[in-house]
ModelCIF file with pLDDT and N, C-alpha, C, O atoms, coordinates in Angstrom:
data_MODEL
#
_entry.id   MODEL 
#
_entity.id                         1 
_entity.type                       polymer 
_entity.pdbx_number_of_molecules   1 
#
_entity_poly.entity_id                      1 
_entity_poly.type                           'polypeptide(L)' 
_entity_poly.nstd_linkage                   no 
_entity_poly.nstd_monomer                   no 
_entity_poly.pdbx_seq_one_letter_code       
;(UNK)(UNK)(UNK)(UNK)(UNK)(UNK)(UNK)(UNK)(UNK)(UNK)(UNK)(UNK)(UNK)(UNK)(UNK)(UNK)
(UNK)(UNK)(UNK)(UNK)(UNK)(UNK)(UNK)(UNK)(UNK)(UNK)(UNK)(UNK)(UNK)(UNK)(UNK)(UNK)
(UNK)(UNK)(UNK)(UNK)(UNK)(UNK)(UNK)(UNK)(UNK)(UNK)(UNK)(UNK)(UNK)
;
_entity_poly.pdbx_seq_one_letter_code_can   XXXXXXXXXXXXXXXXXXXXXXXXXXXXXXXXXXXXXXXXXXXXX 
_entity_poly.pdbx_strand_id                 A 
#
loop_
_entity_poly_seq.entity_id 
_entity_poly_seq.num 
_entity_poly_seq.mon_id 
_entity_poly_seq.hetero 
1 1  UNK n 
1 2  UNK n 
1 3  UNK n 
1 4  UNK n 
1 5  UNK n 
1 6  UNK n 
1 7  UNK n 
1 8  UNK n 
1 9  UNK n 
1 10 UNK n 
1 11 UNK n 
1 12 UNK n 
1 13 UNK n 
1 14 UNK n 
1 15 UNK n 
1 16 UNK n 
1 17 UNK n 
1 18 UNK n 
1 19 UNK n 
1 20 UNK n 
1 21 UNK n 
1 22 UNK n 
1 23 UNK n 
1 24 UNK n 
1 25 UNK n 
1 26 UNK n 
1 27 UNK n 
1 28 UNK n 
1 29 UNK n 
1 30 UNK n 
1 31 UNK n 
1 32 UNK n 
1 33 UNK n 
1 34 UNK n 
1 35 UNK n 
1 36 UNK n 
1 37 UNK n 
1 38 UNK n 
1 39 UNK n 
1 40 UNK n 
1 41 UNK n 
1 42 UNK n 
1 43 UNK n 
1 44 UNK n 
1 45 UNK n 
#
_struct_asym.id          A 
_struct_asym.entity_id   1 
#
loop_
_ma_qa_metric.id 
_ma_qa_metric.mode 
_ma_qa_metric.name 
_ma_qa_metric.software_group_id 
_ma_qa_metric.type 
1 global pLDDT . pLDDT 
2 local  pLDDT . pLDDT 
#
_ma_qa_metric_global.metric_id      1 
_ma_qa_metric_global.metric_value   92.11 
_ma_qa_metric_global.model_id       1 
_ma_qa_metric_global.ordinal_id     1 
#
loop_
_ma_qa_metric_local.label_asym_id 
_ma_qa_metric_local.label_comp_id 
_ma_qa_metric_local.label_seq_id 
_ma_qa_metric_local.metric_id 
_ma_qa_metric_local.metric_value 
_ma_qa_metric_local.model_id 
_ma_qa_metric_local.ordinal_id 
A UNK 1  2 94.00 1 1  
A UNK 2  2 95.00 1 2  
A UNK 3  2 94.00 1 3  
A UNK 4  2 94.00 1 4  
A UNK 5  2 95.00 1 5  
A UNK 6  2 96.00 1 6  
A UNK 7  2 96.00 1 7  
A UNK 8  2 97.00 1 8  
A UNK 9  2 97.00 1 9  
A UNK 10 2 97.00 1 10 
A UNK 11 2 97.00 1 11 
A UNK 12 2 96.00 1 12 
A UNK 13 2 95.00 1 13 
A UNK 14 2 94.00 1 14 
A UNK 15 2 96.00 1 15 
A UNK 16 2 96.00 1 16 
A UNK 17 2 97.00 1 17 
A UNK 18 2 97.00 1 18 
A UNK 19 2 96.00 1 19 
A UNK 20 2 97.00 1 20 
A UNK 21 2 97.00 1 21 
A UNK 22 2 97.00 1 22 
A UNK 23 2 96.00 1 23 
A UNK 24 2 94.00 1 24 
A UNK 25 2 96.00 1 25 
A UNK 26 2 96.00 1 26 
A UNK 27 2 95.00 1 27 
A UNK 28 2 94.00 1 28 
A UNK 29 2 94.00 1 29 
A UNK 30 2 94.00 1 30 
A UNK 31 2 94.00 1 31 
A UNK 32 2 95.00 1 32 
A UNK 33 2 95.00 1 33 
A UNK 34 2 94.00 1 34 
A UNK 35 2 94.00 1 35 
A UNK 36 2 94.00 1 36 
A UNK 37 2 93.00 1 37 
A UNK 38 2 93.00 1 38 
A UNK 39 2 92.00 1 39 
A UNK 40 2 90.00 1 40 
A UNK 41 2 86.00 1 41 
A UNK 42 2 78.00 1 42 
A UNK 43 2 68.00 1 43 
A UNK 44 2 61.00 1 44 
A UNK 45 2 49.00 1 45 
#
loop_
_atom_site.group_PDB 
_atom_site.id 
_atom_site.type_symbol 
_atom_site.label_atom_id 
_atom_site.label_alt_id 
_atom_site.label_comp_id 
_atom_site.label_asym_id 
_atom_site.label_entity_id 
_atom_site.label_seq_id 
_atom_site.pdbx_PDB_ins_code 
_atom_site.Cartn_x 
_atom_site.Cartn_y 
_atom_site.Cartn_z 
_atom_site.occupancy 
_atom_site.B_iso_or_equiv 
_atom_site.pdbx_formal_charge 
_atom_site.auth_seq_id 
_atom_site.auth_comp_id 
_atom_site.auth_asym_id 
_atom_site.auth_atom_id 
_atom_site.pdbx_PDB_model_num 
ATOM 1   N N  . UNK A 1 1  ? 14.913 18.175 6.696   1.00 94.00 ? 1  UNK A N  1 
ATOM 2   C CA . UNK A 1 1  ? 16.100 17.881 7.484   1.00 94.00 ? 1  UNK A CA 1 
ATOM 3   C C  . UNK A 1 1  ? 17.216 17.136 6.663   1.00 94.00 ? 1  UNK A C  1 
ATOM 4   O O  . UNK A 1 1  ? 18.406 17.435 6.768   1.00 94.00 ? 1  UNK A O  1 
ATOM 5   N N  . UNK A 1 2  ? 16.747 16.148 5.842   1.00 95.00 ? 2  UNK A N  1 
ATOM 6   C CA . UNK A 1 2  ? 17.860 15.741 4.992   1.00 95.00 ? 2  UNK A CA 1 
ATOM 7   C C  . UNK A 1 2  ? 18.337 16.740 3.978   1.00 95.00 ? 2  UNK A C  1 
ATOM 8   O O  . UNK A 1 2  ? 19.528 16.744 3.667   1.00 95.00 ? 2  UNK A O  1 
ATOM 9   N N  . UNK A 1 3  ? 17.531 17.545 3.467   1.00 94.00 ? 3  UNK A N  1 
ATOM 10  C CA . UNK A 1 3  ? 18.088 18.523 2.572   1.00 94.00 ? 3  UNK A CA 1 
ATOM 11  C C  . UNK A 1 3  ? 19.135 19.390 3.061   1.00 94.00 ? 3  UNK A C  1 
ATOM 12  O O  . UNK A 1 3  ? 20.160 19.693 2.450   1.00 94.00 ? 3  UNK A O  1 
ATOM 13  N N  . UNK A 1 4  ? 18.715 19.841 4.458   1.00 94.00 ? 4  UNK A N  1 
ATOM 14  C CA . UNK A 1 4  ? 19.468 20.875 5.168   1.00 94.00 ? 4  UNK A CA 1 
ATOM 15  C C  . UNK A 1 4  ? 20.881 20.173 5.872   1.00 94.00 ? 4  UNK A C  1 
ATOM 16  O O  . UNK A 1 4  ? 21.959 20.758 5.981   1.00 94.00 ? 4  UNK A O  1 
ATOM 17  N N  . UNK A 1 5  ? 20.641 19.026 6.239   1.00 95.00 ? 5  UNK A N  1 
ATOM 18  C CA . UNK A 1 5  ? 21.626 18.626 7.166   1.00 95.00 ? 5  UNK A CA 1 
ATOM 19  C C  . UNK A 1 5  ? 22.596 17.554 6.608   1.00 95.00 ? 5  UNK A C  1 
ATOM 20  O O  . UNK A 1 5  ? 23.762 17.462 6.994   1.00 95.00 ? 5  UNK A O  1 
ATOM 21  N N  . UNK A 1 6  ? 22.080 16.816 5.748   1.00 96.00 ? 6  UNK A N  1 
ATOM 22  C CA . UNK A 1 6  ? 22.872 15.543 5.348   1.00 96.00 ? 6  UNK A CA 1 
ATOM 23  C C  . UNK A 1 6  ? 23.906 15.997 4.400   1.00 96.00 ? 6  UNK A C  1 
ATOM 24  O O  . UNK A 1 6  ? 23.737 16.933 3.619   1.00 96.00 ? 6  UNK A O  1 
ATOM 25  N N  . UNK A 1 7  ? 25.125 15.205 4.510   1.00 96.00 ? 7  UNK A N  1 
ATOM 26  C CA . UNK A 1 7  ? 26.193 15.421 3.506   1.00 96.00 ? 7  UNK A CA 1 
ATOM 27  C C  . UNK A 1 7  ? 25.794 14.432 2.278   1.00 96.00 ? 7  UNK A C  1 
ATOM 28  O O  . UNK A 1 7  ? 26.085 14.732 1.120   1.00 96.00 ? 7  UNK A O  1 
ATOM 29  N N  . UNK A 1 8  ? 25.167 13.337 2.580   1.00 97.00 ? 8  UNK A N  1 
ATOM 30  C CA . UNK A 1 8  ? 24.671 12.449 1.655   1.00 97.00 ? 8  UNK A CA 1 
ATOM 31  C C  . UNK A 1 8  ? 23.355 11.823 1.805   1.00 97.00 ? 8  UNK A C  1 
ATOM 32  O O  . UNK A 1 8  ? 23.010 11.482 2.937   1.00 97.00 ? 8  UNK A O  1 
ATOM 33  N N  . UNK A 1 9  ? 22.605 11.635 0.843   1.00 97.00 ? 9  UNK A N  1 
ATOM 34  C CA . UNK A 1 9  ? 21.261 10.861 1.019   1.00 97.00 ? 9  UNK A CA 1 
ATOM 35  C C  . UNK A 1 9  ? 21.380 9.473  0.401   1.00 97.00 ? 9  UNK A C  1 
ATOM 36  O O  . UNK A 1 9  ? 21.672 9.308  -0.783  1.00 97.00 ? 9  UNK A O  1 
ATOM 37  N N  . UNK A 1 10 ? 21.144 8.504  1.242   1.00 97.00 ? 10 UNK A N  1 
ATOM 38  C CA . UNK A 1 10 ? 21.245 6.986  0.628   1.00 97.00 ? 10 UNK A CA 1 
ATOM 39  C C  . UNK A 1 10 ? 19.893 6.550  0.485   1.00 97.00 ? 10 UNK A C  1 
ATOM 40  O O  . UNK A 1 10 ? 19.221 6.350  1.497   1.00 97.00 ? 10 UNK A O  1 
ATOM 41  N N  . UNK A 1 11 ? 19.431 6.383  -0.627  1.00 97.00 ? 11 UNK A N  1 
ATOM 42  C CA . UNK A 1 11 ? 18.063 5.937  -0.987  1.00 97.00 ? 11 UNK A CA 1 
ATOM 43  C C  . UNK A 1 11 ? 17.924 4.310  -1.106  1.00 97.00 ? 11 UNK A C  1 
ATOM 44  O O  . UNK A 1 11 ? 18.551 3.689  -1.964  1.00 97.00 ? 11 UNK A O  1 
ATOM 45  N N  . UNK A 1 12 ? 17.174 3.765  -0.306  1.00 96.00 ? 12 UNK A N  1 
ATOM 46  C CA . UNK A 1 12 ? 17.111 2.284  -0.298  1.00 96.00 ? 12 UNK A CA 1 
ATOM 47  C C  . UNK A 1 12 ? 15.676 1.842  -0.959  1.00 96.00 ? 12 UNK A C  1 
ATOM 48  O O  . UNK A 1 12 ? 14.680 2.530  -0.738  1.00 96.00 ? 12 UNK A O  1 
ATOM 49  N N  . UNK A 1 13 ? 15.617 0.846  -1.654  1.00 95.00 ? 13 UNK A N  1 
ATOM 50  C CA . UNK A 1 13 ? 14.374 0.170  -2.022  1.00 95.00 ? 13 UNK A CA 1 
ATOM 51  C C  . UNK A 1 13 ? 14.634 -1.287 -2.212  1.00 95.00 ? 13 UNK A C  1 
ATOM 52  O O  . UNK A 1 13 ? 15.583 -1.702 -2.877  1.00 95.00 ? 13 UNK A O  1 
ATOM 53  N N  . UNK A 1 14 ? 13.632 -2.172 -1.517  1.00 94.00 ? 14 UNK A N  1 
ATOM 54  C CA . UNK A 1 14 ? 13.678 -3.614 -1.800  1.00 94.00 ? 14 UNK A CA 1 
ATOM 55  C C  . UNK A 1 14 ? 15.080 -4.212 -1.317  1.00 94.00 ? 14 UNK A C  1 
ATOM 56  O O  . UNK A 1 14 ? 15.632 -5.128 -1.927  1.00 94.00 ? 14 UNK A O  1 
ATOM 57  N N  . UNK A 1 15 ? 15.631 -3.588 -0.123  1.00 96.00 ? 15 UNK A N  1 
ATOM 58  C CA . UNK A 1 15 ? 16.810 -4.033 0.420   1.00 96.00 ? 15 UNK A CA 1 
ATOM 59  C C  . UNK A 1 15 ? 18.095 -3.771 -0.347  1.00 96.00 ? 15 UNK A C  1 
ATOM 60  O O  . UNK A 1 15 ? 19.078 -4.459 -0.071  1.00 96.00 ? 15 UNK A O  1 
ATOM 61  N N  . UNK A 1 16 ? 18.170 -2.846 -1.274  1.00 96.00 ? 16 UNK A N  1 
ATOM 62  C CA . UNK A 1 16 ? 19.183 -2.420 -1.933  1.00 96.00 ? 16 UNK A CA 1 
ATOM 63  C C  . UNK A 1 16 ? 19.304 -0.975 -1.658  1.00 96.00 ? 16 UNK A C  1 
ATOM 64  O O  . UNK A 1 16 ? 18.358 -0.261 -1.324  1.00 96.00 ? 16 UNK A O  1 
ATOM 65  N N  . UNK A 1 17 ? 20.781 -0.506 -1.852  1.00 97.00 ? 17 UNK A N  1 
ATOM 66  C CA . UNK A 1 17 ? 20.950 0.934  -1.918  1.00 97.00 ? 17 UNK A CA 1 
ATOM 67  C C  . UNK A 1 17 ? 20.914 1.336  -3.390  1.00 97.00 ? 17 UNK A C  1 
ATOM 68  O O  . UNK A 1 17 ? 21.790 0.952  -4.165  1.00 97.00 ? 17 UNK A O  1 
ATOM 69  N N  . UNK A 1 18 ? 19.915 2.097  -3.766  1.00 97.00 ? 18 UNK A N  1 
ATOM 70  C CA . UNK A 1 18 ? 19.566 2.425  -5.073  1.00 97.00 ? 18 UNK A CA 1 
ATOM 71  C C  . UNK A 1 18 ? 20.415 3.661  -5.628  1.00 97.00 ? 18 UNK A C  1 
ATOM 72  O O  . UNK A 1 18 ? 20.918 3.677  -6.751  1.00 97.00 ? 18 UNK A O  1 
ATOM 73  N N  . UNK A 1 19 ? 20.512 4.735  -4.657  1.00 96.00 ? 19 UNK A N  1 
ATOM 74  C CA . UNK A 1 19 ? 21.091 5.789  -5.055  1.00 96.00 ? 19 UNK A CA 1 
ATOM 75  C C  . UNK A 1 19 ? 21.949 6.316  -3.712  1.00 96.00 ? 19 UNK A C  1 
ATOM 76  O O  . UNK A 1 19 ? 21.497 6.098  -2.588  1.00 96.00 ? 19 UNK A O  1 
ATOM 77  N N  . UNK A 1 20 ? 23.063 6.939  -3.883  1.00 97.00 ? 20 UNK A N  1 
ATOM 78  C CA . UNK A 1 20 ? 23.916 7.558  -2.853  1.00 97.00 ? 20 UNK A CA 1 
ATOM 79  C C  . UNK A 1 20 ? 24.482 8.846  -3.412  1.00 97.00 ? 20 UNK A C  1 
ATOM 80  O O  . UNK A 1 20 ? 25.406 8.847  -4.225  1.00 97.00 ? 20 UNK A O  1 
ATOM 81  N N  . UNK A 1 21 ? 23.876 9.992  -2.932  1.00 97.00 ? 21 UNK A N  1 
ATOM 82  C CA . UNK A 1 21 ? 24.251 11.341 -3.674  1.00 97.00 ? 21 UNK A CA 1 
ATOM 83  C C  . UNK A 1 21 ? 24.192 12.390 -2.599  1.00 97.00 ? 21 UNK A C  1 
ATOM 84  O O  . UNK A 1 21 ? 23.770 12.090 -1.482  1.00 97.00 ? 21 UNK A O  1 
ATOM 85  N N  . UNK A 1 22 ? 24.579 13.557 -2.872  1.00 97.00 ? 22 UNK A N  1 
ATOM 86  C CA . UNK A 1 22 ? 24.470 14.687 -2.218  1.00 97.00 ? 22 UNK A CA 1 
ATOM 87  C C  . UNK A 1 22 ? 23.047 15.127 -2.137  1.00 97.00 ? 22 UNK A C  1 
ATOM 88  O O  . UNK A 1 22 ? 22.458 14.991 -3.210  1.00 97.00 ? 22 UNK A O  1 
ATOM 89  N N  . UNK A 1 23 ? 22.330 15.617 -1.162  1.00 96.00 ? 23 UNK A N  1 
ATOM 90  C CA . UNK A 1 23 ? 21.111 15.867 -0.923  1.00 96.00 ? 23 UNK A CA 1 
ATOM 91  C C  . UNK A 1 23 ? 20.492 16.809 -2.260  1.00 96.00 ? 23 UNK A C  1 
ATOM 92  O O  . UNK A 1 23 ? 19.366 16.553 -2.686  1.00 96.00 ? 23 UNK A O  1 
ATOM 93  N N  . UNK A 1 24 ? 21.163 17.698 -2.756  1.00 94.00 ? 24 UNK A N  1 
ATOM 94  C CA . UNK A 1 24 ? 20.620 18.532 -3.721  1.00 94.00 ? 24 UNK A CA 1 
ATOM 95  C C  . UNK A 1 24 ? 20.648 17.792 -4.903  1.00 94.00 ? 24 UNK A C  1 
ATOM 96  O O  . UNK A 1 24 ? 19.716 17.935 -5.695  1.00 94.00 ? 24 UNK A O  1 
ATOM 97  N N  . UNK A 1 25 ? 21.619 16.977 -5.170  1.00 96.00 ? 25 UNK A N  1 
ATOM 98  C CA . UNK A 1 25 ? 21.565 16.018 -6.386  1.00 96.00 ? 25 UNK A CA 1 
ATOM 99  C C  . UNK A 1 25 ? 20.341 15.142 -6.294  1.00 96.00 ? 25 UNK A C  1 
ATOM 100 O O  . UNK A 1 25 ? 19.530 15.067 -7.217  1.00 96.00 ? 25 UNK A O  1 
ATOM 101 N N  . UNK A 1 26 ? 20.234 14.533 -5.247  1.00 96.00 ? 26 UNK A N  1 
ATOM 102 C CA . UNK A 1 26 ? 19.133 13.446 -5.018  1.00 96.00 ? 26 UNK A CA 1 
ATOM 103 C C  . UNK A 1 26 ? 17.728 14.056 -5.170  1.00 96.00 ? 26 UNK A C  1 
ATOM 104 O O  . UNK A 1 26 ? 16.907 13.544 -5.931  1.00 96.00 ? 26 UNK A O  1 
ATOM 105 N N  . UNK A 1 27 ? 17.462 15.136 -4.451  1.00 95.00 ? 27 UNK A N  1 
ATOM 106 C CA . UNK A 1 27 ? 16.233 15.839 -4.618  1.00 95.00 ? 27 UNK A CA 1 
ATOM 107 C C  . UNK A 1 27 ? 15.670 16.512 -5.779  1.00 95.00 ? 27 UNK A C  1 
ATOM 108 O O  . UNK A 1 27 ? 14.477 16.654 -6.046  1.00 95.00 ? 27 UNK A O  1 
ATOM 109 N N  . UNK A 1 28 ? 16.871 16.981 -6.555  1.00 94.00 ? 28 UNK A N  1 
ATOM 110 C CA . UNK A 1 28 ? 16.480 17.535 -7.941  1.00 94.00 ? 28 UNK A CA 1 
ATOM 111 C C  . UNK A 1 28 ? 16.798 16.726 -9.057  1.00 94.00 ? 28 UNK A C  1 
ATOM 112 O O  . UNK A 1 28 ? 16.151 16.934 -10.083 1.00 94.00 ? 28 UNK A O  1 
ATOM 113 N N  . UNK A 1 29 ? 17.648 15.861 -9.064  1.00 94.00 ? 29 UNK A N  1 
ATOM 114 C CA . UNK A 1 29 ? 17.855 14.942 -10.139 1.00 94.00 ? 29 UNK A CA 1 
ATOM 115 C C  . UNK A 1 29 ? 18.126 13.496 -9.735  1.00 94.00 ? 29 UNK A C  1 
ATOM 116 O O  . UNK A 1 29 ? 19.231 12.967 -9.854  1.00 94.00 ? 29 UNK A O  1 
ATOM 117 N N  . UNK A 1 30 ? 17.058 12.901 -9.255  1.00 94.00 ? 30 UNK A N  1 
ATOM 118 C CA . UNK A 1 30 ? 17.196 11.593 -8.792  1.00 94.00 ? 30 UNK A CA 1 
ATOM 119 C C  . UNK A 1 30 ? 17.449 10.564 -10.239 1.00 94.00 ? 30 UNK A C  1 
ATOM 120 O O  . UNK A 1 30 ? 16.857 10.798 -11.293 1.00 94.00 ? 30 UNK A O  1 
ATOM 121 N N  . UNK A 1 31 ? 18.210 9.665  -10.106 1.00 94.00 ? 31 UNK A N  1 
ATOM 122 C CA . UNK A 1 31 ? 18.665 8.943  -11.283 1.00 94.00 ? 31 UNK A CA 1 
ATOM 123 C C  . UNK A 1 31 ? 17.743 7.825  -11.605 1.00 94.00 ? 31 UNK A C  1 
ATOM 124 O O  . UNK A 1 31 ? 17.432 7.550  -12.764 1.00 94.00 ? 31 UNK A O  1 
ATOM 125 N N  . UNK A 1 32 ? 17.261 7.114  -10.445 1.00 95.00 ? 32 UNK A N  1 
ATOM 126 C CA . UNK A 1 32 ? 16.377 5.956  -10.700 1.00 95.00 ? 32 UNK A CA 1 
ATOM 127 C C  . UNK A 1 32 ? 15.044 6.087  -10.777 1.00 95.00 ? 32 UNK A C  1 
ATOM 128 O O  . UNK A 1 32 ? 14.590 7.094  -10.235 1.00 95.00 ? 32 UNK A O  1 
ATOM 129 N N  . UNK A 1 33 ? 14.192 5.266  -11.361 1.00 95.00 ? 33 UNK A N  1 
ATOM 130 C CA . UNK A 1 33 ? 12.771 5.440  -11.512 1.00 95.00 ? 33 UNK A CA 1 
ATOM 131 C C  . UNK A 1 33 ? 12.094 5.326  -10.027 1.00 95.00 ? 33 UNK A C  1 
ATOM 132 O O  . UNK A 1 33 ? 11.116 5.965  -9.638  1.00 95.00 ? 33 UNK A O  1 
ATOM 133 N N  . UNK A 1 34 ? 12.859 4.343  -9.280  1.00 94.00 ? 34 UNK A N  1 
ATOM 134 C CA . UNK A 1 34 ? 12.150 4.039  -7.872  1.00 94.00 ? 34 UNK A CA 1 
ATOM 135 C C  . UNK A 1 34 ? 12.345 5.286  -7.091  1.00 94.00 ? 34 UNK A C  1 
ATOM 136 O O  . UNK A 1 34 ? 11.420 5.661  -6.370  1.00 94.00 ? 34 UNK A O  1 
ATOM 137 N N  . UNK A 1 35 ? 13.476 5.988  -7.156  1.00 94.00 ? 35 UNK A N  1 
ATOM 138 C CA . UNK A 1 35 ? 13.659 7.394  -6.310  1.00 94.00 ? 35 UNK A CA 1 
ATOM 139 C C  . UNK A 1 35 ? 12.696 8.423  -6.858  1.00 94.00 ? 35 UNK A C  1 
ATOM 140 O O  . UNK A 1 35 ? 12.117 9.231  -6.132  1.00 94.00 ? 35 UNK A O  1 
ATOM 141 N N  . UNK A 1 36 ? 12.544 8.359  -8.207  1.00 94.00 ? 36 UNK A N  1 
ATOM 142 C CA . UNK A 1 36 ? 11.542 9.438  -8.674  1.00 94.00 ? 36 UNK A CA 1 
ATOM 143 C C  . UNK A 1 36 ? 10.071 9.226  -8.226  1.00 94.00 ? 36 UNK A C  1 
ATOM 144 O O  . UNK A 1 36 ? 9.325  10.171 -7.967  1.00 94.00 ? 36 UNK A O  1 
ATOM 145 N N  . UNK A 1 37 ? 9.734  8.029  -8.158  1.00 93.00 ? 37 UNK A N  1 
ATOM 146 C CA . UNK A 1 37 ? 8.555  7.476  -7.863  1.00 93.00 ? 37 UNK A CA 1 
ATOM 147 C C  . UNK A 1 37 ? 8.245  7.946  -6.408  1.00 93.00 ? 37 UNK A C  1 
ATOM 148 O O  . UNK A 1 37 ? 7.210  8.548  -6.124  1.00 93.00 ? 37 UNK A O  1 
ATOM 149 N N  . UNK A 1 38 ? 9.225  7.625  -5.500  1.00 93.00 ? 38 UNK A N  1 
ATOM 150 C CA . UNK A 1 38 ? 9.222  7.790  -4.166  1.00 93.00 ? 38 UNK A CA 1 
ATOM 151 C C  . UNK A 1 38 ? 9.046  9.342  -3.784  1.00 93.00 ? 38 UNK A C  1 
ATOM 152 O O  . UNK A 1 38 ? 8.218  9.727  -2.958  1.00 93.00 ? 38 UNK A O  1 
ATOM 153 N N  . UNK A 1 39 ? 9.907  10.166 -4.470  1.00 92.00 ? 39 UNK A N  1 
ATOM 154 C CA . UNK A 1 39 ? 9.874  11.512 -4.270  1.00 92.00 ? 39 UNK A CA 1 
ATOM 155 C C  . UNK A 1 39 ? 8.579  12.231 -4.685  1.00 92.00 ? 39 UNK A C  1 
ATOM 156 O O  . UNK A 1 39 ? 8.067  13.195 -4.116  1.00 92.00 ? 39 UNK A O  1 
ATOM 157 N N  . UNK A 1 40 ? 8.158  11.604 -5.748  1.00 90.00 ? 40 UNK A N  1 
ATOM 158 C CA . UNK A 1 40 ? 6.720  12.055 -6.406  1.00 90.00 ? 40 UNK A CA 1 
ATOM 159 C C  . UNK A 1 40 ? 5.691  11.938 -5.395  1.00 90.00 ? 40 UNK A C  1 
ATOM 160 O O  . UNK A 1 40 ? 4.839  12.815 -5.255  1.00 90.00 ? 40 UNK A O  1 
ATOM 161 N N  . UNK A 1 41 ? 5.735  10.854 -4.658  1.00 86.00 ? 41 UNK A N  1 
ATOM 162 C CA . UNK A 1 41 ? 4.726  10.563 -3.697  1.00 86.00 ? 41 UNK A CA 1 
ATOM 163 C C  . UNK A 1 41 ? 4.751  11.313 -2.627  1.00 86.00 ? 41 UNK A C  1 
ATOM 164 O O  . UNK A 1 41 ? 3.722  11.660 -2.048  1.00 86.00 ? 41 UNK A O  1 
ATOM 165 N N  . UNK A 1 42 ? 5.992  11.656 -2.236  1.00 78.00 ? 42 UNK A N  1 
ATOM 166 C CA . UNK A 1 42 ? 6.362  12.460 -0.944  1.00 78.00 ? 42 UNK A CA 1 
ATOM 167 C C  . UNK A 1 42 ? 6.175  14.018 -1.020  1.00 78.00 ? 42 UNK A C  1 
ATOM 168 O O  . UNK A 1 42 ? 5.515  14.647 -0.194  1.00 78.00 ? 42 UNK A O  1 
ATOM 169 N N  . UNK A 1 43 ? 6.829  14.584 -2.104  1.00 68.00 ? 43 UNK A N  1 
ATOM 170 C CA . UNK A 1 43 ? 6.995  15.798 -2.261  1.00 68.00 ? 43 UNK A CA 1 
ATOM 171 C C  . UNK A 1 43 ? 5.679  16.634 -2.726  1.00 68.00 ? 43 UNK A C  1 
ATOM 172 O O  . UNK A 1 43 ? 5.602  17.859 -2.634  1.00 68.00 ? 43 UNK A O  1 
ATOM 173 N N  . UNK A 1 44 ? 4.694  15.822 -3.218  1.00 61.00 ? 44 UNK A N  1 
ATOM 174 C CA . UNK A 1 44 ? 3.642  16.454 -3.833  1.00 61.00 ? 44 UNK A CA 1 
ATOM 175 C C  . UNK A 1 44 ? 2.580  16.729 -2.676  1.00 61.00 ? 44 UNK A C  1 
ATOM 176 O O  . UNK A 1 44 ? 1.614  17.448 -2.932  1.00 61.00 ? 44 UNK A O  1 
ATOM 177 N N  . UNK A 1 45 ? 2.752  16.122 -1.288  1.00 49.00 ? 45 UNK A N  1 
ATOM 178 C CA . UNK A 1 45 ? 1.832  16.315 -0.285  1.00 49.00 ? 45 UNK A CA 1 
ATOM 179 C C  . UNK A 1 45 ? 1.916  17.668 0.127   1.00 49.00 ? 45 UNK A C  1 
ATOM 180 O O  . UNK A 1 45 ? 1.183  18.088 1.024   1.00 49.00 ? 45 UNK A O  1 
#
């Protein structure tokens, strides 16, 4: 749903906004290690 519908994805970790990017950018090229770790856990299932 986030990929299809969002204009922007805001990624939060430990109370901070770590990334704020268009979905395609976020899902294919996350910048932070925290986002990469999060996506790694979720998208492998």
